[in-house]
Amino acid sequence: MTTAARLVLGDCERILADIKEDMPSELWRPRWAGLVALLRAVGHVLDKVDGARSPEAKRAIQAAWKDLSDSKPEPRIFWEFVEAERNNVLKT
């Protein structure tokens, strides 16, 4: 079964391929903004959509988020790139 989060992750992979293929382009910045927003959205979709499918999935997702939160600032790829760049692009 394909989860909703996997579909969002697939969108990220396609946008990244487009960015690499069409660099530089006038669409670079909006593609980048979309990519970082979707990268962070993977976790939200896991929680809100995939987690709603079963109590077991919800517990596993919540436990994984707690582990990620407790390990901050590691992994740096998440905290210093995914989270920080999403905030930079969408909130600043």
PDB file of N, CA and C in Angstrom:
ATOM      1  N   MET A   1       0.844  -1.177   0.000  1.00  0.00           N
ATOM      2  CA  MET A   1       0.000   0.000   0.000  1.00  0.00           C
ATOM      3  C   MET A   1       0.891   1.243   0.000  1.00  0.00           C
ATOM      4  N   THR A   2       0.600   2.172  -0.881  1.00  0.00           N
ATOM      5  CA  THR A   2       1.329   3.438  -0.935  1.00  0.00           C
ATOM      6  C   THR A   2       0.692   4.401   0.047  1.00  0.00           C
ATOM      7  N   THR A   3       1.520   4.955   0.909  1.00  0.00           N
ATOM      8  CA  THR A   3       1.016   5.920   1.875  1.00  0.00           C
ATOM      9  C   THR A   3       0.949   7.302   1.222  1.00  0.00           C
ATOM     10  N   ALA A   4       0.158   8.160   1.796  1.00  0.00           N
ATOM     11  CA  ALA A   4       0.056   9.533   1.295  1.00  0.00           C
ATOM     12  C   ALA A   4       1.412  10.230   1.408  1.00  0.00           C
ATOM     13  N   ALA A   5       2.141   9.967   2.474  1.00  0.00           N
ATOM     14  CA  ALA A   5       3.457  10.591   2.651  1.00  0.00           C
ATOM     15  C   ALA A   5       4.416  10.163   1.550  1.00  0.00           C
ATOM     16  N   ARG A   6       4.326   8.927   1.099  1.00  0.00           N
ATOM     17  CA  ARG A   6       5.181   8.468  -0.003  1.00  0.00           C
ATOM     18  C   ARG A   6       4.840   9.196  -1.299  1.00  0.00           C
ATOM     19  N   LEU A   7       3.575   9.513  -1.509  1.00  0.00           N
ATOM     20  CA  LEU A   7       3.177  10.282  -2.692  1.00  0.00           C
ATOM     21  C   LEU A   7       3.789  11.684  -2.642  1.00  0.00           C
ATOM     22  N   VAL A   8       3.759  12.308  -1.470  1.00  0.00           N
ATOM     23  CA  VAL A   8       4.356  13.641  -1.313  1.00  0.00           C
ATOM     24  C   VAL A   8       5.863  13.559  -1.527  1.00  0.00           C
ATOM     25  N   LEU A   9       6.493  12.529  -0.987  1.00  0.00           N
ATOM     26  CA  LEU A   9       7.927  12.343  -1.178  1.00  0.00           C
ATOM     27  C   LEU A   9       8.252  12.150  -2.670  1.00  0.00           C
ATOM     28  N   GLY A  10       7.409  11.442  -3.376  1.00  0.00           N
ATOM     29  CA  GLY A  10       7.586  11.286  -4.821  1.00  0.00           C
ATOM     30  C   GLY A  10       7.498  12.625  -5.542  1.00  0.00           C
ATOM     31  N   ASP A  11       6.591  13.494  -5.089  1.00  0.00           N
ATOM     32  CA  ASP A  11       6.517  14.845  -5.650  1.00  0.00           C
ATOM     33  C   ASP A  11       7.835  15.587  -5.428  1.00  0.00           C
ATOM     34  N   CYS A  12       8.412  15.421  -4.252  1.00  0.00           N
ATOM     35  CA  CYS A  12       9.705  16.055  -3.946  1.00  0.00           C
ATOM     36  C   CYS A  12      10.780  15.577  -4.920  1.00  0.00           C
ATOM     37  N   GLU A  13      10.803  14.290  -5.162  1.00  0.00           N
ATOM     38  CA  GLU A  13      11.812  13.722  -6.070  1.00  0.00           C
ATOM     39  C   GLU A  13      11.646  14.274  -7.482  1.00  0.00           C
ATOM     40  N   ARG A  14      10.407  14.424  -7.953  1.00  0.00           N
ATOM     41  CA  ARG A  14      10.166  14.968  -9.287  1.00  0.00           C
ATOM     42  C   ARG A  14      10.566  16.436  -9.386  1.00  0.00           C
ATOM     43  N   ILE A  15      10.250  17.221  -8.351  1.00  0.00           N
ATOM     44  CA  ILE A  15      10.635  18.639  -8.357  1.00  0.00           C
ATOM     45  C   ILE A  15      12.153  18.767  -8.350  1.00  0.00           C
ATOM     46  N   LEU A  16      12.829  17.974  -7.538  1.00  0.00           N
ATOM     47  CA  LEU A  16      14.288  18.023  -7.486  1.00  0.00           C
ATOM     48  C   LEU A  16      14.878  17.691  -8.853  1.00  0.00           C
ATOM     49  N   ALA A  17      14.347  16.685  -9.516  1.00  0.00           N
ATOM     50  CA  ALA A  17      14.830  16.333 -10.858  1.00  0.00           C
ATOM     51  C   ALA A  17      14.616  17.496 -11.828  1.00  0.00           C
ATOM     52  N   ASP A  18      13.458  18.163 -11.737  1.00  0.00           N
ATOM     53  CA  ASP A  18      13.191  19.320 -12.597  1.00  0.00           C
ATOM     54  C   ASP A  18      14.174  20.456 -12.328  1.00  0.00           C
ATOM     55  N   ILE A  19      14.452  20.703 -11.054  1.00  0.00           N
ATOM     56  CA  ILE A  19      15.393  21.774 -10.698  1.00  0.00           C
ATOM     57  C   ILE A  19      16.765  21.466 -11.285  1.00  0.00           C
ATOM     58  N   LYS A  20      17.221  20.240 -11.129  1.00  0.00           N
ATOM     59  CA  LYS A  20      18.539  19.860 -11.634  1.00  0.00           C
ATOM     60  C   LYS A  20      18.599  19.967 -13.163  1.00  0.00           C
ATOM     61  N   GLU A  21      17.528  19.554 -13.818  1.00  0.00           N
ATOM     62  CA  GLU A  21      17.476  19.503 -15.270  1.00  0.00           C
ATOM     63  C   GLU A  21      17.379  20.891 -15.898  1.00  0.00           C
ATOM     64  N   ASP A  22      16.720  21.806 -15.239  1.00  0.00           N
ATOM     65  CA  ASP A  22      16.385  23.098 -15.828  1.00  0.00           C
ATOM     66  C   ASP A  22      17.070  24.254 -15.101  1.00  0.00           C
ATOM     67  N   MET A  23      18.301  24.047 -14.632  1.00  0.00           N
ATOM     68  CA  MET A  23      19.000  25.078 -13.876  1.00  0.00           C
ATOM     69  C   MET A  23      19.923  25.815 -14.812  1.00  0.00           C
ATOM     70  N   PRO A  24      20.065  27.085 -14.816  1.00  0.00           N
ATOM     71  CA  PRO A  24      19.219  28.037 -14.107  1.00  0.00           C
ATOM     72  C   PRO A  24      17.943  28.309 -14.900  1.00  0.00           C
ATOM     73  N   SER A  25      16.960  28.728 -14.204  1.00  0.00           N
ATOM     74  CA  SER A  25      15.664  28.996 -14.815  1.00  0.00           C
ATOM     75  C   SER A  25      14.951  30.050 -13.995  1.00  0.00           C
ATOM     76  N   GLU A  26      14.047  30.773 -14.645  1.00  0.00           N
ATOM     77  CA  GLU A  26      13.256  31.749 -13.901  1.00  0.00           C
ATOM     78  C   GLU A  26      12.315  31.061 -12.915  1.00  0.00           C
ATOM     79  N   LEU A  27      12.135  29.763 -13.059  1.00  0.00           N
ATOM     80  CA  LEU A  27      11.269  29.010 -12.145  1.00  0.00           C
ATOM     81  C   LEU A  27      12.034  28.377 -10.988  1.00  0.00           C
ATOM     82  N   TRP A  28      13.342  28.654 -10.886  1.00  0.00           N
ATOM     83  CA  TRP A  28      14.142  28.032  -9.841  1.00  0.00           C
ATOM     84  C   TRP A  28      13.608  28.337  -8.448  1.00  0.00           C
ATOM     85  N   ARG A  29      13.358  29.606  -8.143  1.00  0.00           N
ATOM     86  CA  ARG A  29      12.922  29.989  -6.792  1.00  0.00           C
ATOM     87  C   ARG A  29      11.567  29.392  -6.414  1.00  0.00           C
ATOM     88  N   PRO A  30      10.529  29.471  -7.260  1.00  0.00           N
ATOM     89  CA  PRO A  30       9.269  28.849  -6.850  1.00  0.00           C
ATOM     90  C   PRO A  30       9.358  27.329  -6.752  1.00  0.00           C
ATOM     91  N   ARG A  31      10.179  26.717  -7.595  1.00  0.00           N
ATOM     92  CA  ARG A  31      10.364  25.267  -7.473  1.00  0.00           C
ATOM     93  C   ARG A  31      11.050  24.929  -6.151  1.00  0.00           C
ATOM     94  N   TRP A  32      12.068  25.713  -5.802  1.00  0.00           N
ATOM     95  CA  TRP A  32      12.774  25.499  -4.539  1.00  0.00           C
ATOM     96  C   TRP A  32      11.819  25.657  -3.362  1.00  0.00           C
ATOM     97  N   ALA A  33      11.012  26.715  -3.372  1.00  0.00           N
ATOM     98  CA  ALA A  33      10.051  26.947  -2.298  1.00  0.00           C
ATOM     99  C   ALA A  33       9.079  25.776  -2.196  1.00  0.00           C
ATOM    100  N   GLY A  34       8.596  25.307  -3.331  1.00  0.00           N
ATOM    101  CA  GLY A  34       7.700  24.153  -3.327  1.00  0.00           C
ATOM    102  C   GLY A  34       8.368  22.906  -2.798  1.00  0.00           C
ATOM    103  N   LEU A  35       9.609  22.703  -3.198  1.00  0.00           N
ATOM    104  CA  LEU A  35      10.335  21.512  -2.742  1.00  0.00           C
ATOM    105  C   LEU A  35      10.516  21.515  -1.233  1.00  0.00           C
ATOM    106  N   VAL A  36      11.005  22.615  -0.668  1.00  0.00           N
ATOM    107  CA  VAL A  36      11.242  22.613   0.781  1.00  0.00           C
ATOM    108  C   VAL A  36       9.929  22.556   1.559  1.00  0.00           C
ATOM    109  N   ALA A  37       8.877  23.160   1.031  1.00  0.00           N
ATOM    110  CA  ALA A  37       7.572  23.064   1.696  1.00  0.00           C
ATOM    111  C   ALA A  37       7.083  21.616   1.684  1.00  0.00           C
ATOM    112  N   LEU A  38       7.231  20.944   0.556  1.00  0.00           N
ATOM    113  CA  LEU A  38       6.786  19.549   0.467  1.00  0.00           C
ATOM    114  C   LEU A  38       7.654  18.621   1.313  1.00  0.00           C
ATOM    115  N   LEU A  39       8.967  18.891   1.370  1.00  0.00           N
ATOM    116  CA  LEU A  39       9.825  18.053   2.214  1.00  0.00           C
ATOM    117  C   LEU A  39       9.337  18.074   3.662  1.00  0.00           C
ATOM    118  N   ARG A  40       9.008  19.258   4.155  1.00  0.00           N
ATOM    119  CA  ARG A  40       8.518  19.355   5.537  1.00  0.00           C
ATOM    120  C   ARG A  40       7.108  18.789   5.653  1.00  0.00           C
ATOM    121  N   ALA A  41       6.330  18.910   4.582  1.00  0.00           N
ATOM    122  CA  ALA A  41       4.958  18.408   4.603  1.00  0.00           C
ATOM    123  C   ALA A  41       4.896  16.888   4.727  1.00  0.00           C
ATOM    124  N   VAL A  42       5.952  16.197   4.345  1.00  0.00           N
ATOM    125  CA  VAL A  42       5.958  14.731   4.456  1.00  0.00           C
ATOM    126  C   VAL A  42       5.610  14.317   5.885  1.00  0.00           C
ATOM    127  N   GLY A  43       6.215  14.963   6.867  1.00  0.00           N
ATOM    128  CA  GLY A  43       5.936  14.632   8.268  1.00  0.00           C
ATOM    129  C   GLY A  43       4.514  14.951   8.673  1.00  0.00           C
ATOM    130  N   HIS A  44       4.008  16.066   8.181  1.00  0.00           N
ATOM    131  CA  HIS A  44       2.630  16.437   8.497  1.00  0.00           C
ATOM    132  C   HIS A  44       1.637  15.457   7.870  1.00  0.00           C
ATOM    133  N   VAL A  45       1.907  15.030   6.649  1.00  0.00           N
ATOM    134  CA  VAL A  45       1.031  14.063   5.982  1.00  0.00           C
ATOM    135  C   VAL A  45       1.098  12.719   6.692  1.00  0.00           C
ATOM    136  N   LEU A  46       2.297  12.324   7.105  1.00  0.00           N
ATOM    137  CA  LEU A  46       2.411  11.095   7.897  1.00  0.00           C
ATOM    138  C   LEU A  46       1.503  11.161   9.116  1.00  0.00           C
ATOM    139  N   ASP A  47       1.574  12.271   9.832  1.00  0.00           N
ATOM    140  CA  ASP A  47       0.803  12.421  11.065  1.00  0.00           C
ATOM    141  C   ASP A  47      -0.692  12.516  10.792  1.00  0.00           C
ATOM    142  N   LYS A  48      -1.088  13.441   9.963  1.00  0.00           N
ATOM    143  CA  LYS A  48      -2.516  13.756   9.792  1.00  0.00           C
ATOM    144  C   LYS A  48      -3.267  12.788   8.878  1.00  0.00           C
ATOM    145  N   VAL A  49      -2.608  12.308   7.834  1.00  0.00           N
ATOM    146  CA  VAL A  49      -3.301  11.448   6.857  1.00  0.00           C
ATOM    147  C   VAL A  49      -2.999   9.979   7.129  1.00  0.00           C
ATOM    148  N   ASP A  50      -1.724   9.617   7.054  1.00  0.00           N
ATOM    149  CA  ASP A  50      -1.362   8.207   7.248  1.00  0.00           C
ATOM    150  C   ASP A  50      -1.615   7.753   8.675  1.00  0.00           C
ATOM    151  N   GLY A  51      -1.394   8.635   9.636  1.00  0.00           N
ATOM    152  CA  GLY A  51      -1.642   8.286  11.028  1.00  0.00           C
ATOM    153  C   GLY A  51      -3.109   8.068  11.331  1.00  0.00           C
ATOM    154  N   ALA A  52      -3.976   8.699  10.559  1.00  0.00           N
ATOM    155  CA  ALA A  52      -5.416   8.537  10.765  1.00  0.00           C
ATOM    156  C   ALA A  52      -5.924   7.193  10.265  1.00  0.00           C
ATOM    157  N   ARG A  53      -5.118   6.471   9.525  1.00  0.00           N
ATOM    158  CA  ARG A  53      -5.548   5.193   8.951  1.00  0.00           C
ATOM    159  C   ARG A  53      -5.580   4.058   9.964  1.00  0.00           C
ATOM    160  N   SER A  54      -4.725   4.179  10.989  1.00  0.00           N
ATOM    161  CA  SER A  54      -4.732   3.123  12.002  1.00  0.00           C
ATOM    162  C   SER A  54      -4.087   3.627  13.285  1.00  0.00           C
ATOM    163  N   PRO A  55      -4.567   3.116  14.413  1.00  0.00           N
ATOM    164  CA  PRO A  55      -3.961   3.507  15.693  1.00  0.00           C
ATOM    165  C   PRO A  55      -2.493   3.086  15.797  1.00  0.00           C
ATOM    166  N   GLU A  56      -2.150   1.941  15.201  1.00  0.00           N
ATOM    167  CA  GLU A  56      -0.759   1.472  15.247  1.00  0.00           C
ATOM    168  C   GLU A  56       0.149   2.421  14.473  1.00  0.00           C
ATOM    169  N   ALA A  57      -0.304   2.834  13.308  1.00  0.00           N
ATOM    170  CA  ALA A  57       0.488   3.778  12.516  1.00  0.00           C
ATOM    171  C   ALA A  57       0.634   5.095  13.265  1.00  0.00           C
ATOM    172  N   LYS A  58      -0.432   5.574  13.856  1.00  0.00           N
ATOM    173  CA  LYS A  58      -0.397   6.837  14.601  1.00  0.00           C
ATOM    174  C   LYS A  58       0.625   6.763  15.732  1.00  0.00           C
ATOM    175  N   ARG A  59       0.610   5.673  16.476  1.00  0.00           N
ATOM    176  CA  ARG A  59       1.570   5.513  17.585  1.00  0.00           C
ATOM    177  C   ARG A  59       3.009   5.476  17.061  1.00  0.00           C
ATOM    178  N   ALA A  60       3.243   4.750  15.984  1.00  0.00           N
ATOM    179  CA  ALA A  60       4.590   4.650  15.416  1.00  0.00           C
ATOM    180  C   ALA A  60       5.076   6.009  14.911  1.00  0.00           C
ATOM    181  N   ILE A  61       4.204   6.752  14.276  1.00  0.00           N
ATOM    182  CA  ILE A  61       4.563   8.074  13.749  1.00  0.00           C
ATOM    183  C   ILE A  61       4.843   9.037  14.893  1.00  0.00           C
ATOM    184  N   GLN A  62       4.001   9.022  15.914  1.00  0.00           N
ATOM    185  CA  GLN A  62       4.226   9.893  17.073  1.00  0.00           C
ATOM    186  C   GLN A  62       5.528   9.541  17.790  1.00  0.00           C
ATOM    187  N   ALA A  63       5.822   8.250  17.912  1.00  0.00           N
ATOM    188  CA  ALA A  63       7.070   7.823  18.562  1.00  0.00           C
ATOM    189  C   ALA A  63       8.278   8.271  17.740  1.00  0.00           C
ATOM    190  N   ALA A  64       8.185   8.155  16.416  1.00  0.00           N
ATOM    191  CA  ALA A  64       9.289   8.581  15.559  1.00  0.00           C
ATOM    192  C   ALA A  64       9.497  10.089  15.653  1.00  0.00           C
ATOM    193  N   TRP A  65       8.399  10.863  15.705  1.00  0.00           N
ATOM    194  CA  TRP A  65       8.526  12.319  15.837  1.00  0.00           C
ATOM    195  C   TRP A  65       9.151  12.683  17.184  1.00  0.00           C
ATOM    196  N   LYS A  66       8.755  11.981  18.252  1.00  0.00           N
ATOM    197  CA  LYS A  66       9.343  12.245  19.573  1.00  0.00           C
ATOM    198  C   LYS A  66      10.833  11.951  19.546  1.00  0.00           C
ATOM    199  N   ASP A  67      11.216  10.830  18.932  1.00  0.00           N
ATOM    200  CA  ASP A  67      12.644  10.485  18.828  1.00  0.00           C
ATOM    201  C   ASP A  67      13.401  11.559  18.045  1.00  0.00           C
ATOM    202  N   LEU A  68      12.811  12.030  16.940  1.00  0.00           N
ATOM    203  CA  LEU A  68      13.447  13.071  16.130  1.00  0.00           C
ATOM    204  C   LEU A  68      13.579  14.360  16.931  1.00  0.00           C
ATOM    205  N   SER A  69      12.523  14.740  17.619  1.00  0.00           N
ATOM    206  CA  SER A  69      12.550  15.959  18.432  1.00  0.00           C
ATOM    207  C   SER A  69      13.567  15.853  19.559  1.00  0.00           C
ATOM    208  N   ASP A  70      13.635  14.687  20.194  1.00  0.00           N
ATOM    209  CA  ASP A  70      14.567  14.485  21.305  1.00  0.00           C
ATOM    210  C   ASP A  70      16.023  14.460  20.852  1.00  0.00           C
ATOM    211  N   SER A  71      16.266  14.144  19.588  1.00  0.00           N
ATOM    212  CA  SER A  71      17.644  14.022  19.096  1.00  0.00           C
ATOM    213  C   SER A  71      18.186  15.338  18.541  1.00  0.00           C
ATOM    214  N   LYS A  72      17.360  16.383  18.562  1.00  0.00           N
ATOM    215  CA  LYS A  72      17.772  17.670  18.006  1.00  0.00           C
ATOM    216  C   LYS A  72      19.079  18.126  18.649  1.00  0.00           C
ATOM    217  N   PRO A  73      20.068  18.528  17.943  1.00  0.00           N
ATOM    218  CA  PRO A  73      20.103  19.025  16.573  1.00  0.00           C
ATOM    219  C   PRO A  73      20.419  17.975  15.510  1.00  0.00           C
ATOM    220  N   GLU A  74      20.437  16.723  15.884  1.00  0.00           N
ATOM    221  CA  GLU A  74      20.649  15.653  14.897  1.00  0.00           C
ATOM    222  C   GLU A  74      19.307  15.043  14.527  1.00  0.00           C
ATOM    223  N   PRO A  75      19.097  14.578  13.374  1.00  0.00           N
ATOM    224  CA  PRO A  75      19.979  14.677  12.222  1.00  0.00           C
ATOM    225  C   PRO A  75      19.962  16.093  11.631  1.00  0.00           C
ATOM    226  N   ARG A  76      21.136  16.575  11.320  1.00  0.00           N
ATOM    227  CA  ARG A  76      21.265  17.943  10.836  1.00  0.00           C
ATOM    228  C   ARG A  76      20.524  18.156   9.524  1.00  0.00           C
ATOM    229  N   ILE A  77      20.422  17.114   8.691  1.00  0.00           N
ATOM    230  CA  ILE A  77      19.716  17.269   7.410  1.00  0.00           C
ATOM    231  C   ILE A  77      18.277  17.721   7.642  1.00  0.00           C
ATOM    232  N   PHE A  78      17.661  17.243   8.715  1.00  0.00           N
ATOM    233  CA  PHE A  78      16.294  17.667   9.003  1.00  0.00           C
ATOM    234  C   PHE A  78      16.274  19.043   9.655  1.00  0.00           C
ATOM    235  N   TRP A  79      16.989  19.203  10.767  1.00  0.00           N
ATOM    236  CA  TRP A  79      16.883  20.427  11.561  1.00  0.00           C
ATOM    237  C   TRP A  79      17.537  21.631  10.900  1.00  0.00           C
ATOM    238  N   GLU A  80      18.676  21.427  10.240  1.00  0.00           N
ATOM    239  CA  GLU A  80      19.387  22.560   9.650  1.00  0.00           C
ATOM    240  C   GLU A  80      19.047  22.782   8.181  1.00  0.00           C
ATOM    241  N   PHE A  81      18.371  21.819   7.566  1.00  0.00           N
ATOM    242  CA  PHE A  81      17.977  22.026   6.179  1.00  0.00           C
ATOM    243  C   PHE A  81      16.471  22.003   6.010  1.00  0.00           C
ATOM    244  N   VAL A  82      15.840  20.870   6.200  1.00  0.00           N
ATOM    245  CA  VAL A  82      14.403  20.754   5.932  1.00  0.00           C
ATOM    246  C   VAL A  82      13.609  21.755   6.767  1.00  0.00           C
ATOM    247  N   GLU A  83      13.765  21.709   8.061  1.00  0.00           N
ATOM    248  CA  GLU A  83      12.997  22.593   8.945  1.00  0.00           C
ATOM    249  C   GLU A  83      13.417  24.054   8.778  1.00  0.00           C
ATOM    250  N   ALA A  84      14.720  24.303   8.822  1.00  0.00           N
ATOM    251  CA  ALA A  84      15.206  25.684   8.755  1.00  0.00           C
ATOM    252  C   ALA A  84      14.918  26.324   7.399  1.00  0.00           C
ATOM    253  N   GLU A  85      15.143  25.593   6.317  1.00  0.00           N
ATOM    254  CA  GLU A  85      14.918  26.175   4.992  1.00  0.00           C
ATOM    255  C   GLU A  85      13.432  26.373   4.728  1.00  0.00           C
ATOM    256  N   ARG A  86      12.591  25.461   5.196  1.00  0.00           N
ATOM    257  CA  ARG A  86      11.143  25.662   5.066  1.00  0.00           C
ATOM    258  C   ARG A  86      10.740  26.946   5.796  1.00  0.00           C
ATOM    259  N   ASN A  87      11.247  27.135   7.000  1.00  0.00           N
ATOM    260  CA  ASN A  87      10.928  28.353   7.745  1.00  0.00           C
ATOM    261  C   ASN A  87      11.481  29.594   7.037  1.00  0.00           C
ATOM    262  N   ASN A  88      12.676  29.475   6.485  1.00  0.00           N
ATOM    263  CA  ASN A  88      13.287  30.587   5.753  1.00  0.00           C
ATOM    264  C   ASN A  88      12.443  30.976   4.531  1.00  0.00           C
ATOM    265  N   VAL A  89      12.017  29.989   3.782  1.00  0.00           N
ATOM    266  CA  VAL A  89      11.273  30.243   2.543  1.00  0.00           C
ATOM    267  C   VAL A  89       9.844  30.676   2.822  1.00  0.00           C
ATOM    268  N   LEU A  90       9.177  30.035   3.768  1.00  0.00           N
ATOM    269  CA  LEU A  90       7.751  30.266   3.951  1.00  0.00           C
ATOM    270  C   LEU A  90       7.405  31.227   5.081  1.00  0.00           C
ATOM    271  N   LYS A  91       8.293  31.414   6.035  1.00  0.00           N
ATOM    272  CA  LYS A  91       7.939  32.227   7.187  1.00  0.00           C
ATOM    273  C   LYS A  91       8.730  33.533   7.291  1.00  0.00           C
ATOM    274  N   THR A  92       9.785  33.658   6.505  1.00  0.00           N
ATOM    275  CA  THR A  92      10.634  34.846   6.602  1.00  0.00           C
ATOM    276  C   THR A  92      10.407  35.752   5.408  1.00  0.00           C
TER     277      THR A  92
END
